[in-house]
């Protein structure tokens, strides 16, 4: 790594709830921080070096990470705040916001990928310090099966739509629509684990009125179809 990237790695070495890594063109890790190692299930960052995502994460998740890397390497576009699943230190799967950028060498040729992922559990699962925002989150949780709008959430919070959007972005790093999608998918995953109800029934109960849209959203975020997830 060059000196500027090394400085970033040093700053993020022990930052909690923020995963940092650098990969080469073959998808092998050449740098990682403590948070990354914890979520990869290894003792320290040194055990990450030289391994790939498929060595450290479930295949269905690793496939998605590799596809992201390939798209960033090919296009050169920065991936910004992509909402996705990553494992947590306790072995559960949680929501993260991931950003990735292509590294280039002195000649301008792609040389790797740098990635930062922020764990959303701490701000999203704890009571938000802003009481209005907390009311909006609880309203969203209680109306997953309905066509609740951002305006409905704002009204429940006692805020204007613009106030809600600013507060949610600042505290949760999500828009109201992203939050609703997150909560719907979390509920769907819980029901696929806990019930034998049909996928169509689960989708409808979680606010997806088009099963094909549910399947596409589930596949994009989880990396497998709802049926494959249930049978895994």
C-alpha atoms as a PDB file:
ATOM      1  CA  UNK A   1       0.000   0.000   0.000  1.00  0.00           C
ATOM      2  CA  UNK A   2       1.102   3.565  -0.602  1.00  0.00           C
ATOM      3  CA  UNK A   3       1.698   5.901   2.335  1.00  0.00           C
ATOM      4  CA  UNK A   4      -1.655   7.710   2.120  1.00  0.00           C
ATOM      5  CA  UNK A   5      -3.616   4.468   2.186  1.00  0.00           C
ATOM      6  CA  UNK A   6      -1.395   3.178   4.991  1.00  0.00           C
ATOM      7  CA  UNK A   7      -2.318   6.265   7.021  1.00  0.00           C
ATOM      8  CA  UNK A   8      -6.022   5.533   6.512  1.00  0.00           C
ATOM      9  CA  UNK A   9      -5.463   1.913   7.549  1.00  0.00           C
ATOM     10  CA  UNK A  10      -3.669   3.050  10.711  1.00  0.00           C
ATOM     11  CA  UNK A  11      -6.547   5.388  11.648  1.00  0.00           C
ATOM     12  CA  UNK A  12      -9.151   2.650  11.154  1.00  0.00           C
ATOM     13  CA  UNK A  13      -7.092  -0.161  12.698  1.00  0.00           C
ATOM     14  CA  UNK A  14      -9.102  -0.296  15.932  1.00  0.00           C
ATOM     15  CA  UNK A  15     -12.192   1.766  15.047  1.00  0.00           C
ATOM     16  CA  UNK A  16     -15.263  -0.126  16.354  1.00  0.00           C
ATOM     17  CA  UNK A  17     -18.257  -0.947  14.133  1.00  0.00           C
ATOM     18  CA  UNK A  18     -16.337   0.025  10.964  1.00  0.00           C
ATOM     19  CA  UNK A  19     -14.877  -2.716   8.763  1.00  0.00           C
ATOM     20  CA  UNK A  20     -11.928  -1.715   6.571  1.00  0.00           C
ATOM     21  CA  UNK A  21     -10.066  -3.836   4.035  1.00  0.00           C
ATOM     22  CA  UNK A  22      -7.968  -3.671   0.905  1.00  0.00           C
ATOM     23  CA  UNK A  23      -7.945  -6.431  -1.733  1.00  0.00           C
ATOM     24  CA  UNK A  24      -5.685  -7.106  -4.676  1.00  0.00           C
ATOM     25  CA  UNK A  25      -6.956  -7.882  -8.173  1.00  0.00           C
ATOM     26  CA  UNK A  26      -7.316 -11.570  -7.294  1.00  0.00           C
ATOM     27  CA  UNK A  27      -9.638 -10.757  -4.408  1.00  0.00           C
ATOM     28  CA  UNK A  28      -7.005 -11.536  -1.758  1.00  0.00           C
ATOM     29  CA  UNK A  29      -6.906  -9.287   1.300  1.00  0.00           C
ATOM     30  CA  UNK A  30      -3.729  -7.264   1.708  1.00  0.00           C
ATOM     31  CA  UNK A  31      -4.961  -5.159   4.636  1.00  0.00           C
ATOM     32  CA  UNK A  32      -7.772  -5.303   7.181  1.00  0.00           C
ATOM     33  CA  UNK A  33      -8.633  -3.847  10.567  1.00  0.00           C
ATOM     34  CA  UNK A  34      -9.677  -5.450  13.845  1.00  0.00           C
ATOM     35  CA  UNK A  35     -13.408  -4.991  13.209  1.00  0.00           C
ATOM     36  CA  UNK A  36     -13.055  -6.827   9.903  1.00  0.00           C
ATOM     37  CA  UNK A  37     -11.212  -9.713  11.550  1.00  0.00           C
ATOM     38  CA  UNK A  38     -13.859 -10.008  14.267  1.00  0.00           C
ATOM     39  CA  UNK A  39     -16.660 -10.201  11.712  1.00  0.00           C
ATOM     40  CA  UNK A  40     -14.697 -12.668   9.613  1.00  0.00           C
ATOM     41  CA  UNK A  41     -14.419 -14.958  12.631  1.00  0.00           C
ATOM     42  CA  UNK A  42     -10.634 -14.906  12.996  1.00  0.00           C
ATOM     43  CA  UNK A  43      -8.426 -13.904  15.896  1.00  0.00           C
ATOM     44  CA  UNK A  44      -6.688 -10.926  14.320  1.00  0.00           C
ATOM     45  CA  UNK A  45      -6.194  -8.884  11.176  1.00  0.00           C
ATOM     46  CA  UNK A  46      -3.069 -10.855  10.315  1.00  0.00           C
ATOM     47  CA  UNK A  47      -5.181 -13.979   9.760  1.00  0.00           C
ATOM     48  CA  UNK A  48      -7.158 -12.177   7.057  1.00  0.00           C
ATOM     49  CA  UNK A  49      -4.143 -11.373   4.877  1.00  0.00           C
ATOM     50  CA  UNK A  50      -3.787 -13.584   1.807  1.00  0.00           C
ATOM     51  CA  UNK A  51      -7.300 -15.011   2.066  1.00  0.00           C
ATOM     52  CA  UNK A  52     -10.395 -14.227   0.015  1.00  0.00           C
ATOM     53  CA  UNK A  53     -14.000 -13.464   0.910  1.00  0.00           C
ATOM     54  CA  UNK A  54     -14.928 -17.067   0.087  1.00  0.00           C
ATOM     55  CA  UNK A  55     -12.403 -18.249   2.691  1.00  0.00           C
ATOM     56  CA  UNK A  56     -13.978 -16.133   5.427  1.00  0.00           C
ATOM     57  CA  UNK A  57     -17.691 -15.618   4.760  1.00  0.00           C
ATOM     58  CA  UNK A  58     -20.670 -17.783   3.764  1.00  0.00           C
ATOM     59  CA  UNK A  59     -20.627 -18.498   0.032  1.00  0.00           C
ATOM     60  CA  UNK A  60     -23.894 -16.705  -0.653  1.00  0.00           C
ATOM     61  CA  UNK A  61     -22.505 -13.505   0.905  1.00  0.00           C
ATOM     62  CA  UNK A  62     -19.032 -13.847  -0.594  1.00  0.00           C
ATOM     63  CA  UNK A  63     -20.523 -14.214  -4.083  1.00  0.00           C
ATOM     64  CA  UNK A  64     -22.196 -10.832  -3.652  1.00  0.00           C
ATOM     65  CA  UNK A  65     -19.015  -9.163  -2.416  1.00  0.00           C
ATOM     66  CA  UNK A  66     -17.065 -10.544  -5.384  1.00  0.00           C
ATOM     67  CA  UNK A  67     -19.699  -9.288  -7.819  1.00  0.00           C
ATOM     68  CA  UNK A  68     -19.482  -5.821  -6.261  1.00  0.00           C
ATOM     69  CA  UNK A  69     -15.686  -5.838  -6.586  1.00  0.00           C
ATOM     70  CA  UNK A  70     -15.864  -6.869 -10.232  1.00  0.00           C
ATOM     71  CA  UNK A  71     -18.333  -4.097 -11.041  1.00  0.00           C
ATOM     72  CA  UNK A  72     -16.201  -1.452  -9.318  1.00  0.00           C
ATOM     73  CA  UNK A  73     -13.007  -2.679 -10.993  1.00  0.00           C
ATOM     74  CA  UNK A  74     -14.630  -2.710 -14.420  1.00  0.00           C
ATOM     75  CA  UNK A  75     -16.453   0.607 -14.232  1.00  0.00           C
ATOM     76  CA  UNK A  76     -14.193   2.636 -11.969  1.00  0.00           C
ATOM     77  CA  UNK A  77     -17.315   4.038 -10.297  1.00  0.00           C
ATOM     78  CA  UNK A  78     -17.333   4.355  -6.519  1.00  0.00           C
ATOM     79  CA  UNK A  79     -19.898   2.185  -4.739  1.00  0.00           C
ATOM     80  CA  UNK A  80     -21.475   4.420  -2.094  1.00  0.00           C
ATOM     81  CA  UNK A  81     -23.515   3.368   0.944  1.00  0.00           C
ATOM     82  CA  UNK A  82     -24.758   0.063  -0.448  1.00  0.00           C
ATOM     83  CA  UNK A  83     -27.092  -1.552   2.086  1.00  0.00           C
ATOM     84  CA  UNK A  84     -26.096  -5.202   2.497  1.00  0.00           C
ATOM     85  CA  UNK A  85     -25.676  -8.134   4.871  1.00  0.00           C
ATOM     86  CA  UNK A  86     -22.378  -9.026   6.577  1.00  0.00           C
ATOM     87  CA  UNK A  87     -21.720 -11.384   9.473  1.00  0.00           C
ATOM     88  CA  UNK A  88     -21.247 -10.003  12.982  1.00  0.00           C
ATOM     89  CA  UNK A  89     -18.849 -11.176  15.721  1.00  0.00           C
ATOM     90  CA  UNK A  90     -21.576 -13.302  17.326  1.00  0.00           C
ATOM     91  CA  UNK A  91     -22.185 -15.176  14.070  1.00  0.00           C
ATOM     92  CA  UNK A  92     -25.472 -13.471  13.217  1.00  0.00           C
ATOM     93  CA  UNK A  93     -25.987 -11.618   9.959  1.00  0.00           C
ATOM     94  CA  UNK A  94     -26.601  -7.880  10.171  1.00  0.00           C
ATOM     95  CA  UNK A  95     -27.056  -4.790   8.063  1.00  0.00           C
ATOM     96  CA  UNK A  96     -24.136  -2.672   6.938  1.00  0.00           C
ATOM     97  CA  UNK A  97     -23.599   0.298   4.657  1.00  0.00           C
ATOM     98  CA  UNK A  98     -20.684  -0.467   2.336  1.00  0.00           C
ATOM     99  CA  UNK A  99     -18.620   1.854   0.146  1.00  0.00           C
ATOM    100  CA  UNK A 100     -15.918   0.648  -2.260  1.00  0.00           C
ATOM    101  CA  UNK A 101     -13.437   2.331  -4.566  1.00  0.00           C
ATOM    102  CA  UNK A 102     -10.971   1.097  -7.146  1.00  0.00           C
ATOM    103  CA  UNK A 103      -7.265   1.520  -6.420  1.00  0.00           C
ATOM    104  CA  UNK A 104      -4.962   2.417  -9.307  1.00  0.00           C
ATOM    105  CA  UNK A 105      -1.193   2.244  -9.644  1.00  0.00           C
ATOM    106  CA  UNK A 106       1.138   5.031 -10.773  1.00  0.00           C
ATOM    107  CA  UNK A 107       0.268   4.253 -14.384  1.00  0.00           C
ATOM    108  CA  UNK A 108      -3.461   4.579 -13.792  1.00  0.00           C
ATOM    109  CA  UNK A 109      -4.087   0.836 -14.020  1.00  0.00           C
ATOM    110  CA  UNK A 110      -6.467  -0.883 -11.557  1.00  0.00           C
ATOM    111  CA  UNK A 111      -4.523  -2.508  -8.721  1.00  0.00           C
ATOM    112  CA  UNK A 112      -7.167  -3.430  -6.172  1.00  0.00           C
ATOM    113  CA  UNK A 113     -10.209  -2.480  -4.117  1.00  0.00           C
ATOM    114  CA  UNK A 114     -10.550  -0.525  -0.880  1.00  0.00           C
ATOM    115  CA  UNK A 115     -13.726  -1.128   1.121  1.00  0.00           C
ATOM    116  CA  UNK A 116     -15.341   0.378   4.230  1.00  0.00           C
ATOM    117  CA  UNK A 117     -18.506  -1.080   5.819  1.00  0.00           C
ATOM    118  CA  UNK A 118     -20.367   0.496   8.753  1.00  0.00           C
ATOM    119  CA  UNK A 119     -22.394  -1.728  11.095  1.00  0.00           C
ATOM    120  CA  UNK A 120     -25.888  -0.279  11.460  1.00  0.00           C
ATOM    121  CA  UNK A 121     -26.821  -2.250  14.578  1.00  0.00           C
ATOM    122  CA  UNK A 122     -25.715   0.272  17.199  1.00  0.00           C
ATOM    123  CA  UNK A 123     -27.717   3.285  16.001  1.00  0.00           C
ATOM    124  CA  UNK A 124     -30.550   1.380  14.387  1.00  0.00           C
ATOM    125  CA  UNK A 125     -31.378  -1.159  17.092  1.00  0.00           C
ATOM    126  CA  UNK A 126     -30.942   1.105  20.088  1.00  0.00           C
ATOM    127  CA  UNK A 127     -33.442   3.809  20.962  1.00  0.00           C
ATOM    128  CA  UNK A 128     -32.576   6.830  18.860  1.00  0.00           C
ATOM    129  CA  UNK A 129     -31.744   9.916  20.904  1.00  0.00           C
ATOM    130  CA  UNK A 130     -34.261  11.885  18.896  1.00  0.00           C
ATOM    131  CA  UNK A 131     -37.685  10.894  20.290  1.00  0.00           C
ATOM    132  CA  UNK A 132     -39.470  11.823  17.072  1.00  0.00           C
ATOM    133  CA  UNK A 133     -37.141   9.588  15.091  1.00  0.00           C
ATOM    134  CA  UNK A 134     -37.734   6.733  17.528  1.00  0.00           C
ATOM    135  CA  UNK A 135     -41.487   7.128  17.001  1.00  0.00           C
ATOM    136  CA  UNK A 136     -41.001   7.012  13.234  1.00  0.00           C
ATOM    137  CA  UNK A 137     -38.994   3.781  13.482  1.00  0.00           C
ATOM    138  CA  UNK A 138     -41.628   2.179  15.714  1.00  0.00           C
ATOM    139  CA  UNK A 139     -44.379   3.303  13.341  1.00  0.00           C
ATOM    140  CA  UNK A 140     -42.502   1.693  10.448  1.00  0.00           C
ATOM    141  CA  UNK A 141     -42.061  -1.557  12.402  1.00  0.00           C
ATOM    142  CA  UNK A 142     -45.774  -1.668  13.162  1.00  0.00           C
ATOM    143  CA  UNK A 143     -46.989  -0.971   9.621  1.00  0.00           C
ATOM    144  CA  UNK A 144     -44.829  -3.232   7.474  1.00  0.00           C
ATOM    145  CA  UNK A 145     -47.818  -4.874   5.797  1.00  0.00           C
ATOM    146  CA  UNK A 146     -49.382  -1.542   4.856  1.00  0.00           C
ATOM    147  CA  UNK A 147     -48.542   0.965   2.151  1.00  0.00           C
ATOM    148  CA  UNK A 148     -47.208   3.444   4.686  1.00  0.00           C
ATOM    149  CA  UNK A 149     -45.644   6.532   3.116  1.00  0.00           C
ATOM    150  CA  UNK A 150     -42.807   8.753   4.237  1.00  0.00           C
ATOM    151  CA  UNK A 151     -45.497  11.306   5.070  1.00  0.00           C
ATOM    152  CA  UNK A 152     -47.184   8.798   7.393  1.00  0.00           C
ATOM    153  CA  UNK A 153     -43.887   8.164   9.169  1.00  0.00           C
ATOM    154  CA  UNK A 154     -43.239  11.895   9.494  1.00  0.00           C
ATOM    155  CA  UNK A 155     -46.714  12.463  10.931  1.00  0.00           C
ATOM    156  CA  UNK A 156     -46.163   9.697  13.509  1.00  0.00           C
ATOM    157  CA  UNK A 157     -42.879  11.356  14.459  1.00  0.00           C
ATOM    158  CA  UNK A 158     -44.389  14.827  14.702  1.00  0.00           C
ATOM    159  CA  UNK A 159     -41.904  16.042  12.075  1.00  0.00           C
ATOM    160  CA  UNK A 160     -42.080  17.385   8.569  1.00  0.00           C
ATOM    161  CA  UNK A 161     -40.956  15.053   5.792  1.00  0.00           C
ATOM    162  CA  UNK A 162     -37.747  17.025   5.306  1.00  0.00           C
ATOM    163  CA  UNK A 163     -37.018  17.012   9.070  1.00  0.00           C
ATOM    164  CA  UNK A 164     -37.536  13.250   9.214  1.00  0.00           C
ATOM    165  CA  UNK A 165     -35.309  12.629   6.203  1.00  0.00           C
ATOM    166  CA  UNK A 166     -32.511  14.773   7.657  1.00  0.00           C
ATOM    167  CA  UNK A 167     -32.760  13.195  11.126  1.00  0.00           C
ATOM    168  CA  UNK A 168     -32.873   9.650   9.776  1.00  0.00           C
ATOM    169  CA  UNK A 169     -29.942  10.237   7.455  1.00  0.00           C
ATOM    170  CA  UNK A 170     -27.875  11.754  10.278  1.00  0.00           C
ATOM    171  CA  UNK A 171     -28.624   9.119  12.940  1.00  0.00           C
ATOM    172  CA  UNK A 172     -29.242   5.934  10.948  1.00  0.00           C
ATOM    173  CA  UNK A 173     -27.489   6.658   7.671  1.00  0.00           C
ATOM    174  CA  UNK A 174     -30.680   5.623   5.859  1.00  0.00           C
ATOM    175  CA  UNK A 175     -33.534   7.304   4.061  1.00  0.00           C
ATOM    176  CA  UNK A 176     -37.079   6.544   5.306  1.00  0.00           C
ATOM    177  CA  UNK A 177     -37.659   4.342   2.247  1.00  0.00           C
ATOM    178  CA  UNK A 178     -34.428   2.433   2.866  1.00  0.00           C
ATOM    179  CA  UNK A 179     -35.439   1.902   6.484  1.00  0.00           C
ATOM    180  CA  UNK A 180     -38.827   0.504   5.492  1.00  0.00           C
ATOM    181  CA  UNK A 181     -37.181  -1.881   3.011  1.00  0.00           C
ATOM    182  CA  UNK A 182     -34.693  -2.949   5.668  1.00  0.00           C
ATOM    183  CA  UNK A 183     -37.393  -3.646   8.242  1.00  0.00           C
ATOM    184  CA  UNK A 184     -39.563  -5.520   5.739  1.00  0.00           C
ATOM    185  CA  UNK A 185     -36.683  -7.741   4.715  1.00  0.00           C
ATOM    186  CA  UNK A 186     -35.645  -8.372   8.328  1.00  0.00           C
ATOM    187  CA  UNK A 187     -39.204  -9.436   9.131  1.00  0.00           C
ATOM    188  CA  UNK A 188     -39.372 -11.658   6.056  1.00  0.00           C
ATOM    189  CA  UNK A 189     -36.116 -13.381   7.052  1.00  0.00           C
ATOM    190  CA  UNK A 190     -37.430 -13.944  10.577  1.00  0.00           C
ATOM    191  CA  UNK A 191     -40.669 -15.446   9.222  1.00  0.00           C
ATOM    192  CA  UNK A 192     -38.859 -17.678   6.732  1.00  0.00           C
ATOM    193  CA  UNK A 193     -36.834 -19.016   9.678  1.00  0.00           C
ATOM    194  CA  UNK A 194     -39.742 -19.368  12.112  1.00  0.00           C
ATOM    195  CA  UNK A 195     -42.761 -20.422  10.026  1.00  0.00           C
ATOM    196  CA  UNK A 196     -43.730 -22.862   7.299  1.00  0.00           C
ATOM    197  CA  UNK A 197     -45.977 -20.315   5.600  1.00  0.00           C
ATOM    198  CA  UNK A 198     -45.640 -20.015   1.838  1.00  0.00           C
ATOM    199  CA  UNK A 199     -43.188 -17.488   0.455  1.00  0.00           C
ATOM    200  CA  UNK A 200     -46.085 -15.611  -1.133  1.00  0.00           C
ATOM    201  CA  UNK A 201     -47.813 -15.333   2.253  1.00  0.00           C
ATOM    202  CA  UNK A 202     -44.635 -14.141   3.959  1.00  0.00           C
ATOM    203  CA  UNK A 203     -44.045 -11.586   1.208  1.00  0.00           C
ATOM    204  CA  UNK A 204     -47.562 -10.188   1.478  1.00  0.00           C
ATOM    205  CA  UNK A 205     -47.472 -10.062   5.282  1.00  0.00           C
ATOM    206  CA  UNK A 206     -44.243  -8.073   5.120  1.00  0.00           C
ATOM    207  CA  UNK A 207     -45.629  -5.503   2.704  1.00  0.00           C
ATOM    208  CA  UNK A 208     -44.510  -6.948  -0.616  1.00  0.00           C
ATOM    209  CA  UNK A 209     -47.592  -7.038  -2.822  1.00  0.00           C
ATOM    210  CA  UNK A 210     -45.604  -8.303  -5.809  1.00  0.00           C
ATOM    211  CA  UNK A 211     -43.817 -11.583  -5.058  1.00  0.00           C
ATOM    212  CA  UNK A 212     -41.448 -11.116  -7.981  1.00  0.00           C
ATOM    213  CA  UNK A 213     -40.343  -7.773  -6.499  1.00  0.00           C
ATOM    214  CA  UNK A 214     -39.829  -9.516  -3.145  1.00  0.00           C
ATOM    215  CA  UNK A 215     -37.749 -12.224  -4.812  1.00  0.00           C
ATOM    216  CA  UNK A 216     -35.597  -9.652  -6.636  1.00  0.00           C
ATOM    217  CA  UNK A 217     -35.013  -7.560  -3.509  1.00  0.00           C
ATOM    218  CA  UNK A 218     -34.237 -10.628  -1.398  1.00  0.00           C
ATOM    219  CA  UNK A 219     -31.823 -11.980  -4.005  1.00  0.00           C
ATOM    220  CA  UNK A 220     -30.027  -8.654  -4.405  1.00  0.00           C
ATOM    221  CA  UNK A 221     -29.481  -8.132  -0.670  1.00  0.00           C
ATOM    222  CA  UNK A 222     -29.152 -11.668   0.701  1.00  0.00           C
ATOM    223  CA  UNK A 223     -27.515 -13.231  -2.348  1.00  0.00           C
ATOM    224  CA  UNK A 224     -29.992 -16.113  -2.724  1.00  0.00           C
ATOM    225  CA  UNK A 225     -33.688 -16.596  -3.336  1.00  0.00           C
ATOM    226  CA  UNK A 226     -36.163 -16.777  -0.418  1.00  0.00           C
ATOM    227  CA  UNK A 227     -36.672 -20.477  -1.144  1.00  0.00           C
ATOM    228  CA  UNK A 228     -32.945 -21.169  -1.133  1.00  0.00           C
ATOM    229  CA  UNK A 229     -32.578 -19.216   2.114  1.00  0.00           C
ATOM    230  CA  UNK A 230     -35.292 -21.274   3.789  1.00  0.00           C
ATOM    231  CA  UNK A 231     -33.735 -24.546   2.587  1.00  0.00           C
ATOM    232  CA  UNK A 232     -30.105 -23.593   3.302  1.00  0.00           C
END
